[in-house]
Amino acid sequence: MAVKHIPTEEVHKGYKGGTTRCGFDTNDHIGHWKSTTEKITCNKNGCKN
């Protein structure tokens, strides 16, 4: 599953209401995140691998 950070338009591995694979907590400012089927764009360790 993928989750998109709306302000930066960056797509991470993870899900809304949890933690991304690179460590962002999607519960922090939960309105800034949305579930998506878009391609992962984050290049940080965890998301890109």
Protein backbone atom coordinates (compact mmCIF):
# COMPACT_ATOMS: atom_id res chain seq x y z
CA MET A 1 0.00 0.00 0.00
CA ALA A 2 1.08 3.58 -0.59
CA VAL A 3 0.30 6.83 1.16
CA LYS A 4 0.76 10.32 -0.26
CA HIS A 5 1.90 13.37 1.74
CA ILE A 6 -0.35 16.03 0.24
CA PRO A 7 1.78 19.16 0.99
CA THR A 8 4.92 17.69 -0.64
CA GLU A 9 3.20 15.37 -3.17
CA GLU A 10 5.64 12.62 -2.09
CA VAL A 11 4.37 9.01 -2.15
CA HIS A 12 5.65 6.60 0.53
CA LYS A 13 5.27 2.89 1.28
CA GLY A 14 2.90 2.55 4.21
CA TYR A 15 -0.65 3.37 5.12
CA LYS A 16 -2.72 6.19 6.57
CA GLY A 17 -3.07 5.82 10.32
CA GLY A 18 0.32 4.15 10.76
CA THR A 19 3.97 4.65 9.91
CA THR A 20 5.61 4.82 6.50
CA ARG A 21 8.47 2.42 5.72
CA CYS A 22 10.96 5.31 6.04
CA GLY A 23 9.62 6.33 9.46
CA PHE A 24 7.04 9.12 9.07
CA ASP A 25 4.08 8.87 11.46
CA THR A 26 0.96 9.44 9.35
CA ASN A 27 -1.09 10.09 12.51
CA ASP A 28 0.87 13.33 12.96
CA HIS A 29 -1.17 15.84 10.91
CA ILE A 30 -3.38 13.02 9.61
CA GLY A 31 -5.13 15.44 7.23
CA HIS A 32 -1.87 15.79 5.28
CA TRP A 33 -1.93 12.11 4.23
CA LYS A 34 -4.11 10.10 1.85
CA SER A 35 -4.06 6.50 0.67
CA THR A 36 -3.14 6.10 -2.98
CA THR A 37 -2.23 3.60 -5.68
CA GLU A 38 0.38 5.94 -7.18
CA LYS A 39 4.00 4.90 -7.72
CA ILE A 40 6.35 5.34 -4.71
CA THR A 41 8.39 8.54 -5.14
CA CYS A 42 10.22 8.61 -1.78
CA ASN A 43 13.92 7.80 -2.14
CA LYS A 44 14.60 7.28 1.57
CA ASN A 45 15.73 3.91 2.92
CA GLY A 46 12.67 1.74 3.53
CA CYS A 47 10.46 3.27 0.85
CA LYS A 48 12.82 2.91 -2.10
CA ASN A 49 13.76 -0.68 -1.23
